[in-house]
Amino acid sequence: MDLAGRIIVVTGAARGLGRAFAEGCWREKARSIVVADIDEAAGLATAQELAAQGADAHFLHVDVADPASVEAFALALKTRFGRVDGLINNAALATGIGGKTFEEIDVETFDRVLSINVRGLWLVTRALAPLLRLAEGGGRIVNLASDTALWGAPRLLHYVASKGAVISMTRSLARELGPDDISVNAIAPGLVIGESTEYVPQERHDLYVNGRAIPRKQYPQDVVSAALFFLMPEAGFVTGQVVPVNGGFVFN
């Protein structure tokens, strides 16, 4: 089981979990990897580093909150590759938004989180669906949810709401895209150590470590294998599923 011959797109792939997913696709012999991100400098650097290791890696700019940008992104993919075999919807706004009660969150931030994390996922999936229908061996979509939506993390309502929506969208998309031989699944990581979680208070880090069945910190590589499984041709009969990847902090 590997990704040989498959073209994989990862949104939000410039750094963090997205970069780890892109690197994992390379290790699993993906034919081509598309590093998609709003940050051109970091995205180009990630693609170039993968290419230096021998990967056929390409950077494409996309702002998932901007419909015009998403459509241009889809056209660039069609022109360059003709099809997409796998999509990891990883792009999301998570950094620096936590710590406020539901009464303290401002409307602008609430709307911004949902426009990226929910509407952005829909826009990208809608734009790439025609290319995924051309996938060899069936198309694969992996959505990044969060276990915060499974246990109801406090002081993070807008993010929790967005990831709860991702879970529901995954199940609905699985039914709509199933007849096209496209599977749609979600993984729900716990608190992953990385740049995007540096702002999280130590108290929340301790809560996760002490509450896990496997009581240790979680790193990007802990999440990658689950996503890669769902991208495999052999995983095509698994769809509409949500898998917590958090060391047993939450059981689904």
Protein backbone atom coordinates (compact mmCIF):
# COMPACT_ATOMS: atom_id res chain seq x y z
CA MET A 1 0.00 0.00 0.00
CA ASP A 2 1.42 3.33 -1.09
CA LEU A 3 0.58 6.40 -3.16
CA ALA A 4 2.55 5.46 -6.25
CA GLY A 5 1.24 7.21 -9.35
CA ARG A 6 -1.10 9.47 -7.40
CA ILE A 7 -1.36 13.25 -7.49
CA ILE A 8 -2.03 14.67 -4.03
CA VAL A 9 -3.03 18.22 -3.09
CA VAL A 10 -2.50 19.49 0.45
CA THR A 11 -3.93 22.87 1.44
CA GLY A 12 -2.19 24.82 4.18
CA ALA A 13 0.93 22.82 3.43
CA ALA A 14 3.57 25.49 3.97
CA ARG A 15 4.20 24.54 7.59
CA GLY A 16 3.00 22.50 10.55
CA LEU A 17 0.65 19.59 9.99
CA GLY A 18 0.18 20.49 6.33
CA ARG A 19 3.89 20.28 5.67
CA ALA A 20 4.04 16.98 7.56
CA PHE A 21 1.27 15.61 5.33
CA ALA A 22 3.14 16.69 2.19
CA GLU A 23 6.33 15.06 3.45
CA GLY A 24 4.41 11.90 4.28
CA CYS A 25 2.99 11.76 0.75
CA TRP A 26 6.54 11.91 -0.59
CA ARG A 27 7.63 9.05 1.69
CA GLU A 28 4.68 7.02 0.38
CA LYS A 29 5.84 7.54 -3.22
CA ALA A 30 3.18 9.97 -4.44
CA ARG A 31 3.76 10.83 -8.08
CA SER A 32 3.21 14.55 -7.54
CA ILE A 33 2.57 16.67 -4.45
CA VAL A 34 0.94 20.08 -4.61
CA VAL A 35 1.85 22.37 -1.72
CA ALA A 36 -1.04 24.83 -1.60
CA ASP A 37 -0.94 27.81 0.74
CA ILE A 38 -1.66 31.51 1.08
CA ASP A 39 1.93 32.10 2.26
CA GLU A 40 3.96 32.12 -0.94
CA ALA A 41 7.41 32.36 0.66
CA ALA A 42 6.89 29.48 3.09
CA GLY A 43 4.98 27.41 0.53
CA LEU A 44 7.70 27.77 -2.08
CA ALA A 45 10.33 26.86 0.49
CA THR A 46 8.46 23.68 1.45
CA ALA A 47 8.00 22.64 -2.19
CA GLN A 48 11.65 23.35 -2.98
CA GLU A 49 12.85 21.34 -0.01
CA LEU A 50 10.71 18.39 -1.06
CA ALA A 51 11.97 18.71 -4.62
CA ALA A 52 15.54 18.71 -3.35
CA GLN A 53 14.81 15.29 -1.84
CA GLY A 54 13.61 14.01 -5.20
CA ALA A 55 9.89 14.68 -4.94
CA ASP A 56 7.84 16.05 -7.81
CA ALA A 57 6.58 18.89 -5.62
CA HIS A 58 4.88 22.07 -6.78
CA PHE A 59 3.72 25.17 -4.96
CA LEU A 60 0.43 26.81 -5.91
CA HIS A 61 -0.94 29.88 -4.20
CA VAL A 62 -4.49 29.76 -2.85
CA ASP A 63 -6.56 31.78 -0.42
CA VAL A 64 -9.32 29.35 0.51
CA ALA A 65 -11.49 32.20 1.81
CA ASP A 66 -11.52 33.86 -1.63
CA PRO A 67 -13.75 32.15 -4.24
CA ALA A 68 -11.84 33.71 -7.14
CA SER A 69 -8.52 32.49 -5.75
CA VAL A 70 -9.92 28.97 -5.33
CA GLU A 71 -11.22 28.90 -8.90
CA ALA A 72 -7.84 30.08 -10.23
CA PHE A 73 -6.18 27.39 -8.14
CA ALA A 74 -8.43 24.69 -9.59
CA LEU A 75 -7.73 25.90 -13.13
CA ALA A 76 -3.98 25.80 -12.48
CA LEU A 77 -4.30 22.21 -11.25
CA LYS A 78 -6.34 21.21 -14.29
CA THR A 79 -3.86 22.81 -16.65
CA ARG A 80 -0.79 21.28 -15.02
CA PHE A 81 -2.03 17.83 -14.01
CA GLY A 82 -5.40 17.14 -15.63
CA ARG A 83 -6.68 15.33 -12.55
CA VAL A 84 -6.34 15.10 -8.77
CA ASP A 85 -6.26 11.74 -6.96
CA GLY A 86 -6.23 12.95 -3.39
CA LEU A 87 -7.04 16.12 -1.46
CA ILE A 88 -6.16 16.93 2.13
CA ASN A 89 -8.27 19.87 3.27
CA ASN A 90 -5.90 21.10 5.94
CA ALA A 91 -5.97 24.91 5.57
CA ALA A 92 -7.55 26.53 8.63
CA LEU A 93 -7.33 29.46 10.98
CA ALA A 94 -6.35 28.25 14.46
CA THR A 95 -3.46 30.39 15.69
CA GLY A 96 -4.03 33.14 18.22
CA ILE A 97 -7.80 32.91 18.38
CA GLY A 98 -8.33 30.94 21.58
CA GLY A 99 -8.69 31.96 25.20
CA LYS A 100 -11.87 34.04 24.90
CA THR A 101 -15.28 33.04 26.20
CA PHE A 102 -18.17 32.88 23.76
CA GLU A 103 -19.25 36.31 25.05
CA GLU A 104 -15.85 37.85 24.36
CA ILE A 105 -15.37 36.67 20.76
CA ASP A 106 -15.90 39.51 18.30
CA VAL A 107 -18.11 39.08 15.25
CA GLU A 108 -15.30 39.79 12.78
CA THR A 109 -13.10 37.02 14.18
CA PHE A 110 -16.02 34.57 14.36
CA ASP A 111 -16.85 35.21 10.70
CA ARG A 112 -13.20 34.99 9.66
CA VAL A 113 -12.76 31.57 11.31
CA LEU A 114 -15.86 30.16 9.63
CA SER A 115 -15.02 31.69 6.24
CA ILE A 116 -11.68 29.87 6.21
CA ASN A 117 -12.37 26.67 8.12
CA VAL A 118 -15.86 25.91 6.82
CA ARG A 119 -16.61 27.88 3.66
CA GLY A 120 -13.02 27.48 2.48
CA LEU A 121 -13.21 23.69 2.75
CA TRP A 122 -16.45 23.73 0.77
CA LEU A 123 -15.05 26.04 -1.91
CA VAL A 124 -11.93 23.92 -2.42
CA THR A 125 -13.85 20.65 -2.47
CA ARG A 126 -16.39 22.05 -4.93
CA ALA A 127 -13.71 23.42 -7.23
CA LEU A 128 -11.62 20.23 -7.23
CA ALA A 129 -14.48 17.74 -7.45
CA PRO A 130 -14.36 17.60 -11.27
CA LEU A 131 -10.65 16.74 -11.10
CA LEU A 132 -11.19 14.16 -8.35
CA ARG A 133 -13.82 12.45 -10.51
CA LEU A 134 -11.02 11.77 -13.00
CA ALA A 135 -8.80 10.10 -10.38
CA GLU A 136 -7.26 6.77 -11.21
CA GLY A 137 -8.45 4.22 -8.70
CA GLY A 138 -10.99 6.54 -7.13
CA GLY A 139 -10.65 9.98 -5.60
CA ARG A 140 -9.83 10.52 -1.93
CA ILE A 141 -10.61 13.48 0.32
CA VAL A 142 -9.32 13.83 3.86
CA ASN A 143 -10.72 16.69 5.93
CA LEU A 144 -8.99 18.03 9.02
CA ALA A 145 -11.44 18.26 11.88
CA SER A 146 -10.39 18.53 15.54
CA ASP A 147 -11.14 16.62 18.70
CA THR A 148 -12.17 19.95 20.26
CA ALA A 149 -15.49 19.42 18.46
CA LEU A 150 -15.83 15.99 20.08
CA TRP A 151 -15.30 17.08 23.68
CA GLY A 152 -16.54 20.67 23.48
CA ALA A 153 -13.39 22.61 24.32
CA PRO A 154 -14.22 25.84 26.15
CA ARG A 155 -12.93 29.32 25.28
CA LEU A 156 -12.66 28.36 21.63
CA LEU A 157 -16.27 28.40 20.43
CA HIS A 158 -15.72 29.70 16.91
CA TYR A 159 -13.01 27.14 16.15
CA VAL A 160 -14.96 24.31 17.80
CA ALA A 161 -18.03 25.26 15.78
CA SER A 162 -16.02 25.29 12.57
CA LYS A 163 -14.57 21.85 13.19
CA GLY A 164 -17.97 20.46 14.15
CA ALA A 165 -19.14 21.71 10.77
CA VAL A 166 -16.23 19.93 9.08
CA ILE A 167 -17.35 16.67 10.68
CA SER A 168 -20.94 17.12 9.45
CA MET A 169 -19.79 18.21 6.00
CA THR A 170 -17.59 15.11 5.75
CA ARG A 171 -20.58 12.84 6.22
CA SER A 172 -22.75 14.74 3.76
CA LEU A 173 -20.00 14.94 1.14
CA ALA A 174 -19.37 11.20 1.52
CA ARG A 175 -22.93 10.51 0.41
CA GLU A 176 -22.89 13.03 -2.44
CA LEU A 177 -19.50 11.98 -3.83
CA GLY A 178 -19.74 8.24 -3.15
CA PRO A 179 -21.44 7.51 -6.50
CA ASP A 180 -18.40 9.12 -8.17
CA ASP A 181 -16.06 6.68 -6.40
CA ILE A 182 -14.71 9.47 -4.19
CA SER A 183 -14.31 8.70 -0.50
CA VAL A 184 -14.49 11.48 2.08
CA ASN A 185 -13.19 11.00 5.61
CA ALA A 186 -12.00 13.20 8.45
CA ILE A 187 -9.35 12.94 11.10
CA ALA A 188 -9.69 14.81 14.37
CA PRO A 189 -6.28 15.50 15.92
CA GLY A 190 -5.76 16.54 19.50
CA LEU A 191 -3.46 19.35 20.56
CA VAL A 192 -0.44 18.94 18.28
CA ILE A 193 2.89 20.50 19.23
CA GLY A 194 3.90 23.04 16.60
CA GLU A 195 4.02 26.67 15.59
CA SER A 196 0.24 27.02 15.48
CA THR A 197 -0.18 25.91 19.11
CA GLU A 198 2.64 27.85 20.72
CA TYR A 199 0.13 30.38 22.05
CA VAL A 200 -1.94 27.72 23.83
CA PRO A 201 -1.67 28.03 27.65
CA GLN A 202 0.37 25.39 29.46
CA GLU A 203 -2.75 24.43 31.38
CA ARG A 204 -4.42 23.21 28.18
CA HIS A 205 -1.28 21.31 27.12
CA ASP A 206 -1.21 19.61 30.53
CA LEU A 207 -4.91 18.76 30.28
CA TYR A 208 -4.28 16.86 27.06
CA VAL A 209 -1.14 15.06 28.20
CA ASN A 210 -2.64 13.98 31.52
CA GLY A 211 -5.99 13.03 29.99
CA ARG A 212 -4.71 10.82 27.19
CA ALA A 213 -4.70 7.04 27.33
CA ILE A 214 -1.17 7.43 25.95
CA PRO A 215 0.06 10.18 28.30
CA ARG A 216 2.53 12.16 26.20
CA LYS A 217 2.70 15.15 23.88
CA GLN A 218 1.33 14.80 20.35
CA TYR A 219 3.47 15.69 17.33
CA PRO A 220 2.64 16.14 13.63
CA GLN A 221 4.03 12.72 12.73
CA ASP A 222 1.44 11.15 15.05
CA VAL A 223 -1.31 12.39 12.74
CA VAL A 224 0.19 11.78 9.31
CA SER A 225 -0.28 8.02 9.02
CA ALA A 226 -4.05 8.19 9.53
CA ALA A 227 -4.38 10.75 6.74
CA LEU A 228 -2.16 8.74 4.42
CA PHE A 229 -4.26 5.60 4.97
CA PHE A 230 -7.40 7.39 3.80
CA LEU A 231 -5.56 8.52 0.64
CA MET A 232 -4.62 4.97 -0.36
CA PRO A 233 -6.45 3.28 -3.25
CA GLU A 234 -7.09 0.34 -0.91
CA ALA A 235 -9.08 2.56 1.49
CA GLY A 236 -11.77 3.34 -1.07
CA PHE A 237 -14.59 1.51 0.72
CA VAL A 238 -14.11 3.52 3.91
CA THR A 239 -16.03 6.79 3.74
CA GLY A 240 -17.92 9.23 5.95
CA GLN A 241 -15.77 8.33 8.95
CA VAL A 242 -14.29 10.59 11.62
CA VAL A 243 -11.22 9.23 13.39
CA PRO A 244 -9.85 10.95 16.51
CA VAL A 245 -6.05 10.88 16.45
CA ASN A 246 -5.21 12.13 19.93
CA GLY A 247 -3.66 9.34 21.97
CA GLY A 248 -7.00 8.43 23.49
CA PHE A 249 -7.98 11.81 24.94
CA VAL A 250 -11.39 11.35 23.31
CA PHE A 251 -12.93 8.14 22.06
CA ASN A 252 -15.34 8.49 19.16
